[in-house]
Amino acid sequence: MASGHVATLPKAELHVHLEGTLEPELLFALAARNQVELPWADVDQARAAHIFAGLEHFLPLLLRSAGVLRRGPADYIREALDVCRADRIDHGVAAAGDPALLARLRDEAIPLTVCPLSNVALRVVPSMAAHPLRAMFE
């Protein structure tokens, strides 16, 4: 698929995380507007509270976990497809390293809800430049 064609297709956010989409400044502005008390005194404290050494440091902040596989192997994704009959895969970054699995996902029209900024924040990948998202479209 040519990159020009992909750019013309409609896009939708199927799954996002606050730590990948909401900066502390906006968090404080929204909290003030809606009269919501935050657990941090200021923007710097909020930012510091959301620096994670890895997924294990992030999980205590989660109220629920609704996805498959931020760091698991591609076989976990296959199991979600085969056993759970998943119609979408959340956090399917592991699929990027498995061309056969990517082909299956494409052929069965199963979307991956990948959150690149979240993946960087949680140290799934070291940087946006290292994220496999672009390769997942090829």
N, C-alpha and C. Protein backbone atom coordinates (compact mmCIF):
# COMPACT_ATOMS: atom_id res chain seq x y z
N MET A 1 0.85 -1.18 0.00
CA MET A 1 0.00 0.00 0.00
C MET A 1 0.90 1.23 0.00
N ALA A 2 0.65 2.11 -0.91
CA ALA A 2 1.46 3.33 -1.00
C ALA A 2 1.14 4.26 0.15
N SER A 3 2.18 4.93 0.67
CA SER A 3 1.96 5.82 1.81
C SER A 3 1.01 6.96 1.47
N GLY A 4 0.98 7.40 0.22
CA GLY A 4 0.05 8.45 -0.18
C GLY A 4 -1.39 7.99 -0.06
N HIS A 5 -1.65 6.74 -0.40
CA HIS A 5 -2.99 6.18 -0.28
C HIS A 5 -3.42 6.11 1.18
N VAL A 6 -2.53 5.66 2.04
CA VAL A 6 -2.84 5.55 3.47
C VAL A 6 -3.21 6.91 4.04
N ALA A 7 -2.51 7.95 3.61
CA ALA A 7 -2.79 9.30 4.11
C ALA A 7 -4.20 9.76 3.75
N THR A 8 -4.78 9.25 2.68
CA THR A 8 -6.12 9.68 2.27
C THR A 8 -7.24 8.91 2.96
N LEU A 9 -6.91 7.81 3.61
CA LEU A 9 -7.94 6.99 4.25
C LEU A 9 -8.42 7.64 5.55
N PRO A 10 -9.70 7.45 5.88
CA PRO A 10 -10.19 7.99 7.16
C PRO A 10 -9.54 7.27 8.33
N LYS A 11 -9.38 7.98 9.43
CA LYS A 11 -8.74 7.42 10.64
C LYS A 11 -9.69 7.55 11.82
N ALA A 12 -9.51 6.68 12.80
CA ALA A 12 -10.30 6.76 14.03
C ALA A 12 -9.43 6.29 15.18
N GLU A 13 -9.56 6.94 16.31
CA GLU A 13 -8.91 6.49 17.54
C GLU A 13 -9.81 5.46 18.19
N LEU A 14 -9.37 4.21 18.22
CA LEU A 14 -10.16 3.15 18.84
C LEU A 14 -9.85 3.00 20.32
N HIS A 15 -8.67 3.46 20.70
CA HIS A 15 -8.21 3.21 22.06
C HIS A 15 -7.08 4.18 22.37
N VAL A 16 -7.22 4.95 23.41
CA VAL A 16 -6.16 5.87 23.82
C VAL A 16 -5.99 5.80 25.34
N HIS A 17 -4.87 6.27 25.81
CA HIS A 17 -4.57 6.35 27.24
C HIS A 17 -4.29 7.79 27.60
N LEU A 18 -4.67 8.18 28.79
CA LEU A 18 -4.43 9.55 29.22
C LEU A 18 -2.95 9.88 29.22
N GLU A 19 -2.09 8.94 29.66
CA GLU A 19 -0.67 9.26 29.73
C GLU A 19 -0.05 9.43 28.35
N GLY A 20 -0.77 9.05 27.32
CA GLY A 20 -0.28 9.25 25.97
C GLY A 20 -0.98 10.36 25.22
N THR A 21 -1.99 10.97 25.84
CA THR A 21 -2.76 11.98 25.12
C THR A 21 -3.04 13.26 25.89
N LEU A 22 -2.91 13.25 27.20
CA LEU A 22 -3.28 14.41 28.01
C LEU A 22 -2.07 14.91 28.78
N GLU A 23 -1.63 16.11 28.42
CA GLU A 23 -0.49 16.71 29.11
C GLU A 23 -0.96 17.29 30.46
N PRO A 24 -0.06 17.35 31.45
CA PRO A 24 -0.46 17.84 32.78
C PRO A 24 -1.06 19.25 32.77
N GLU A 25 -0.58 20.12 31.89
CA GLU A 25 -1.14 21.47 31.83
C GLU A 25 -2.63 21.44 31.50
N LEU A 26 -3.00 20.62 30.52
CA LEU A 26 -4.40 20.50 30.15
C LEU A 26 -5.19 19.79 31.25
N LEU A 27 -4.59 18.81 31.89
CA LEU A 27 -5.23 18.13 33.00
C LEU A 27 -5.63 19.13 34.09
N PHE A 28 -4.71 20.02 34.44
CA PHE A 28 -5.00 21.02 35.47
C PHE A 28 -6.05 22.02 35.01
N ALA A 29 -6.00 22.40 33.74
CA ALA A 29 -7.00 23.34 33.22
C ALA A 29 -8.40 22.70 33.24
N LEU A 30 -8.50 21.44 32.83
CA LEU A 30 -9.79 20.75 32.84
C LEU A 30 -10.28 20.54 34.27
N ALA A 31 -9.38 20.19 35.17
CA ALA A 31 -9.76 19.99 36.58
C ALA A 31 -10.28 21.30 37.17
N ALA A 32 -9.62 22.41 36.88
CA ALA A 32 -10.06 23.71 37.40
C ALA A 32 -11.42 24.07 36.83
N ARG A 33 -11.59 23.90 35.53
CA ARG A 33 -12.86 24.22 34.89
C ARG A 33 -14.01 23.41 35.47
N ASN A 34 -13.73 22.13 35.79
CA ASN A 34 -14.79 21.24 36.26
C ASN A 34 -14.80 21.05 37.77
N GLN A 35 -14.02 21.86 38.45
CA GLN A 35 -13.94 21.85 39.91
C GLN A 35 -13.64 20.44 40.45
N VAL A 36 -12.61 19.84 39.87
CA VAL A 36 -12.16 18.51 40.28
C VAL A 36 -10.83 18.66 41.01
N GLU A 37 -10.75 18.07 42.19
CA GLU A 37 -9.50 18.12 42.96
C GLU A 37 -8.56 17.02 42.46
N LEU A 38 -7.34 17.39 42.20
CA LEU A 38 -6.34 16.43 41.73
C LEU A 38 -5.42 16.03 42.89
N PRO A 39 -4.80 14.87 42.79
CA PRO A 39 -3.91 14.42 43.88
C PRO A 39 -2.53 15.07 43.85
N TRP A 40 -2.27 15.95 42.89
CA TRP A 40 -0.98 16.60 42.78
C TRP A 40 -1.13 18.10 43.01
N ALA A 41 -0.14 18.70 43.62
CA ALA A 41 -0.19 20.12 43.94
C ALA A 41 -0.01 21.00 42.71
N ASP A 42 0.78 20.51 41.74
CA ASP A 42 1.05 21.33 40.56
C ASP A 42 1.40 20.45 39.37
N VAL A 43 1.61 21.11 38.25
CA VAL A 43 1.92 20.42 36.99
C VAL A 43 3.18 19.57 37.12
N ASP A 44 4.20 20.09 37.78
CA ASP A 44 5.46 19.35 37.90
C ASP A 44 5.28 18.05 38.67
N GLN A 45 4.47 18.09 39.74
CA GLN A 45 4.21 16.87 40.50
C GLN A 45 3.42 15.86 39.66
N ALA A 46 2.46 16.35 38.91
CA ALA A 46 1.68 15.45 38.05
C ALA A 46 2.57 14.81 37.00
N ARG A 47 3.44 15.61 36.40
CA ARG A 47 4.35 15.08 35.38
C ARG A 47 5.28 14.02 35.98
N ALA A 48 5.81 14.30 37.17
CA ALA A 48 6.71 13.35 37.83
C ALA A 48 5.99 12.04 38.18
N ALA A 49 4.71 12.13 38.53
CA ALA A 49 3.94 10.94 38.89
C ALA A 49 3.68 10.04 37.69
N HIS A 50 3.86 10.59 36.49
CA HIS A 50 3.58 9.82 35.28
C HIS A 50 4.82 9.51 34.46
N ILE A 51 5.95 9.43 35.15
CA ILE A 51 7.18 8.94 34.52
C ILE A 51 7.35 7.51 35.01
N PHE A 52 7.31 6.58 34.07
CA PHE A 52 7.31 5.17 34.43
C PHE A 52 8.61 4.50 34.00
N ALA A 53 9.11 3.63 34.85
CA ALA A 53 10.30 2.85 34.50
C ALA A 53 9.90 1.66 33.63
N GLY A 54 8.64 1.35 33.60
CA GLY A 54 8.14 0.22 32.82
C GLY A 54 6.69 -0.05 33.16
N LEU A 55 6.14 -1.04 32.51
CA LEU A 55 4.74 -1.37 32.70
C LEU A 55 4.40 -1.68 34.14
N GLU A 56 5.29 -2.36 34.84
CA GLU A 56 5.01 -2.74 36.23
C GLU A 56 4.84 -1.53 37.15
N HIS A 57 5.39 -0.39 36.77
CA HIS A 57 5.23 0.83 37.56
C HIS A 57 3.94 1.58 37.18
N PHE A 58 3.43 1.28 36.01
CA PHE A 58 2.21 1.92 35.54
C PHE A 58 0.95 1.22 36.05
N LEU A 59 0.99 -0.10 36.16
CA LEU A 59 -0.20 -0.87 36.50
C LEU A 59 -0.90 -0.43 37.78
N PRO A 60 -0.16 -0.06 38.84
CA PRO A 60 -0.88 0.38 40.03
C PRO A 60 -1.77 1.60 39.80
N LEU A 61 -1.49 2.39 38.77
CA LEU A 61 -2.31 3.57 38.48
C LEU A 61 -3.54 3.23 37.65
N LEU A 62 -3.56 2.05 37.09
CA LEU A 62 -4.69 1.67 36.26
C LEU A 62 -5.88 1.25 37.11
N LEU A 63 -7.04 1.68 36.73
CA LEU A 63 -8.25 1.20 37.40
C LEU A 63 -8.72 -0.09 36.77
N ARG A 64 -8.43 -0.25 35.49
CA ARG A 64 -8.77 -1.50 34.83
C ARG A 64 -7.81 -1.71 33.68
N SER A 65 -7.69 -2.93 33.26
CA SER A 65 -6.86 -3.25 32.11
C SER A 65 -7.74 -3.92 31.08
N ALA A 66 -7.84 -3.31 29.90
CA ALA A 66 -8.77 -3.82 28.91
C ALA A 66 -8.08 -4.34 27.67
N GLY A 67 -6.80 -4.49 27.70
CA GLY A 67 -6.15 -4.86 26.46
C GLY A 67 -5.38 -6.13 26.55
N VAL A 68 -4.95 -6.55 25.41
CA VAL A 68 -4.07 -7.69 25.36
C VAL A 68 -2.71 -7.08 25.09
N LEU A 69 -1.78 -7.33 25.92
CA LEU A 69 -0.46 -7.44 25.41
C LEU A 69 0.37 -6.27 25.00
N ARG A 70 0.80 -5.60 25.92
CA ARG A 70 1.74 -4.55 25.62
C ARG A 70 3.12 -5.14 25.38
N ARG A 71 3.48 -6.14 26.14
CA ARG A 71 4.83 -6.69 26.00
C ARG A 71 4.88 -8.18 25.74
N GLY A 72 3.76 -8.84 25.72
CA GLY A 72 3.76 -10.28 25.52
C GLY A 72 4.19 -10.65 24.12
N PRO A 73 4.52 -11.91 23.92
CA PRO A 73 4.94 -12.36 22.59
C PRO A 73 3.76 -12.41 21.63
N ALA A 74 4.08 -12.52 20.35
CA ALA A 74 3.04 -12.58 19.32
C ALA A 74 2.10 -13.76 19.54
N ASP A 75 2.57 -14.82 20.16
CA ASP A 75 1.71 -15.97 20.42
C ASP A 75 0.53 -15.61 21.31
N TYR A 76 0.69 -14.63 22.19
CA TYR A 76 -0.43 -14.18 23.02
C TYR A 76 -1.54 -13.59 22.14
N ILE A 77 -1.12 -12.90 21.10
CA ILE A 77 -2.11 -12.31 20.19
C ILE A 77 -2.83 -13.43 19.44
N ARG A 78 -2.09 -14.43 18.97
CA ARG A 78 -2.73 -15.57 18.31
C ARG A 78 -3.73 -16.25 19.23
N GLU A 79 -3.35 -16.40 20.50
CA GLU A 79 -4.24 -17.03 21.47
C GLU A 79 -5.51 -16.18 21.66
N ALA A 80 -5.36 -14.87 21.71
CA ALA A 80 -6.53 -14.00 21.85
C ALA A 80 -7.45 -14.16 20.64
N LEU A 81 -6.88 -14.33 19.45
CA LEU A 81 -7.68 -14.53 18.24
C LEU A 81 -8.35 -15.89 18.23
N ASP A 82 -7.59 -16.93 18.56
CA ASP A 82 -8.07 -18.30 18.44
C ASP A 82 -8.98 -18.73 19.59
N VAL A 83 -8.61 -18.35 20.81
CA VAL A 83 -9.35 -18.81 21.98
C VAL A 83 -10.48 -17.84 22.33
N CYS A 84 -10.15 -16.56 22.37
CA CYS A 84 -11.13 -15.55 22.78
C CYS A 84 -11.94 -14.99 21.62
N ARG A 85 -11.52 -15.32 20.41
CA ARG A 85 -12.17 -14.79 19.21
C ARG A 85 -12.24 -13.26 19.23
N ALA A 86 -11.13 -12.66 19.61
CA ALA A 86 -11.05 -11.20 19.70
C ALA A 86 -11.34 -10.56 18.35
N ASP A 87 -12.08 -9.45 18.37
CA ASP A 87 -12.36 -8.73 17.13
C ASP A 87 -11.51 -7.47 17.01
N ARG A 88 -10.67 -7.24 17.99
CA ARG A 88 -9.63 -6.21 17.93
C ARG A 88 -8.59 -6.60 18.97
N ILE A 89 -7.39 -6.11 18.77
CA ILE A 89 -6.30 -6.40 19.69
C ILE A 89 -5.77 -5.08 20.22
N ASP A 90 -5.86 -4.90 21.53
CA ASP A 90 -5.32 -3.72 22.17
C ASP A 90 -3.85 -3.95 22.48
N HIS A 91 -3.05 -2.97 22.21
CA HIS A 91 -1.61 -3.02 22.51
C HIS A 91 -0.92 -4.16 21.77
N GLY A 92 -1.18 -4.27 20.50
CA GLY A 92 -0.63 -5.38 19.72
C GLY A 92 0.72 -5.11 19.11
N VAL A 93 1.59 -4.39 19.80
CA VAL A 93 2.91 -4.04 19.26
C VAL A 93 3.72 -5.29 18.91
N ALA A 94 3.53 -6.37 19.66
CA ALA A 94 4.29 -7.60 19.40
C ALA A 94 4.03 -8.15 18.01
N ALA A 95 2.90 -7.82 17.41
CA ALA A 95 2.59 -8.30 16.07
C ALA A 95 3.57 -7.77 15.03
N ALA A 96 4.19 -6.64 15.31
CA ALA A 96 5.08 -6.01 14.33
C ALA A 96 6.24 -6.91 13.94
N GLY A 97 6.69 -7.76 14.84
CA GLY A 97 7.82 -8.63 14.55
C GLY A 97 7.44 -9.96 13.93
N ASP A 98 6.18 -10.13 13.56
CA ASP A 98 5.69 -11.40 13.04
C ASP A 98 4.89 -11.16 11.76
N PRO A 99 5.56 -11.23 10.60
CA PRO A 99 4.87 -10.94 9.33
C PRO A 99 3.64 -11.81 9.09
N ALA A 100 3.70 -13.09 9.48
CA ALA A 100 2.55 -13.98 9.27
C ALA A 100 1.35 -13.51 10.11
N LEU A 101 1.61 -13.10 11.33
CA LEU A 101 0.53 -12.60 12.19
C LEU A 101 -0.04 -11.30 11.64
N LEU A 102 0.83 -10.40 11.19
CA LEU A 102 0.33 -9.15 10.60
C LEU A 102 -0.54 -9.44 9.38
N ALA A 103 -0.13 -10.41 8.57
CA ALA A 103 -0.93 -10.78 7.39
C ALA A 103 -2.29 -11.32 7.83
N ARG A 104 -2.31 -12.14 8.87
CA ARG A 104 -3.58 -12.68 9.37
C ARG A 104 -4.49 -11.55 9.86
N LEU A 105 -3.92 -10.64 10.64
CA LEU A 105 -4.71 -9.51 11.14
C LEU A 105 -5.28 -8.70 9.98
N ARG A 106 -4.46 -8.47 8.97
CA ARG A 106 -4.91 -7.72 7.79
C ARG A 106 -6.02 -8.49 7.07
N ASP A 107 -5.78 -9.79 6.80
CA ASP A 107 -6.73 -10.60 6.04
C ASP A 107 -8.06 -10.76 6.77
N GLU A 108 -8.02 -10.81 8.10
CA GLU A 108 -9.25 -10.97 8.89
C GLU A 108 -9.83 -9.62 9.34
N ALA A 109 -9.20 -8.53 8.88
CA ALA A 109 -9.66 -7.16 9.19
C ALA A 109 -9.80 -6.93 10.69
N ILE A 110 -8.79 -7.36 11.44
CA ILE A 110 -8.77 -7.18 12.89
C ILE A 110 -7.84 -6.01 13.20
N PRO A 111 -8.39 -4.93 13.75
CA PRO A 111 -7.54 -3.76 14.03
C PRO A 111 -6.68 -3.94 15.28
N LEU A 112 -5.54 -3.29 15.25
CA LEU A 112 -4.67 -3.18 16.42
C LEU A 112 -4.87 -1.77 16.96
N THR A 113 -5.17 -1.65 18.23
CA THR A 113 -5.30 -0.32 18.83
C THR A 113 -3.98 -0.02 19.52
N VAL A 114 -3.09 0.54 18.76
CA VAL A 114 -1.74 0.83 19.23
C VAL A 114 -1.67 2.28 19.70
N CYS A 115 -1.06 2.50 20.84
CA CYS A 115 -0.92 3.83 21.44
C CYS A 115 0.56 4.20 21.49
N PRO A 116 1.12 4.74 20.42
CA PRO A 116 2.56 4.99 20.38
C PRO A 116 3.10 5.84 21.53
N LEU A 117 2.45 6.94 21.86
CA LEU A 117 2.96 7.77 22.96
C LEU A 117 2.91 7.02 24.28
N SER A 118 1.88 6.23 24.48
CA SER A 118 1.79 5.40 25.68
C SER A 118 2.91 4.36 25.68
N ASN A 119 3.19 3.78 24.52
CA ASN A 119 4.27 2.79 24.43
C ASN A 119 5.62 3.39 24.79
N VAL A 120 5.83 4.64 24.42
CA VAL A 120 7.08 5.32 24.79
C VAL A 120 7.07 5.63 26.28
N ALA A 121 5.96 6.16 26.79
CA ALA A 121 5.88 6.54 28.20
C ALA A 121 6.09 5.34 29.12
N LEU A 122 5.63 4.17 28.68
CA LEU A 122 5.73 2.96 29.51
C LEU A 122 6.96 2.12 29.17
N ARG A 123 7.82 2.66 28.31
CA ARG A 123 9.09 2.02 27.95
C ARG A 123 8.94 0.70 27.19
N VAL A 124 7.81 0.56 26.48
CA VAL A 124 7.65 -0.59 25.60
C VAL A 124 8.62 -0.44 24.42
N VAL A 125 8.76 0.80 23.97
CA VAL A 125 9.77 1.16 22.97
C VAL A 125 10.53 2.37 23.51
N PRO A 126 11.79 2.52 23.12
CA PRO A 126 12.58 3.61 23.70
C PRO A 126 12.23 5.01 23.20
N SER A 127 11.62 5.10 22.00
CA SER A 127 11.33 6.42 21.43
C SER A 127 10.30 6.27 20.32
N MET A 128 9.74 7.40 19.89
CA MET A 128 8.81 7.37 18.76
C MET A 128 9.52 6.90 17.50
N ALA A 129 10.77 7.30 17.35
CA ALA A 129 11.52 6.89 16.16
C ALA A 129 11.70 5.37 16.11
N ALA A 130 11.75 4.73 17.26
CA ALA A 130 11.95 3.27 17.32
C ALA A 130 10.62 2.51 17.28
N HIS A 131 9.50 3.21 17.30
CA HIS A 131 8.20 2.52 17.34
C HIS A 131 7.94 1.81 16.01
N PRO A 132 7.41 0.59 16.05
CA PRO A 132 7.19 -0.18 14.81
C PRO A 132 5.91 0.18 14.05
N LEU A 133 5.22 1.23 14.43
CA LEU A 133 3.93 1.56 13.82
C LEU A 133 4.01 1.66 12.29
N ARG A 134 4.99 2.38 11.78
CA ARG A 134 5.09 2.54 10.33
C ARG A 134 5.28 1.19 9.65
N ALA A 135 6.10 0.34 10.23
CA ALA A 135 6.33 -1.00 9.65
C ALA A 135 5.06 -1.84 9.68
N MET A 136 4.17 -1.58 10.61
CA MET A 136 2.94 -2.35 10.72
C MET A 136 1.99 -2.05 9.58
N PHE A 137 2.17 -0.92 8.89
CA PHE A 137 1.32 -0.58 7.76
C PHE A 137 1.81 -1.19 6.45
N GLU A 138 3.04 -1.65 6.45
CA GLU A 138 3.63 -2.16 5.19
C GLU A 138 3.20 -3.57 4.89
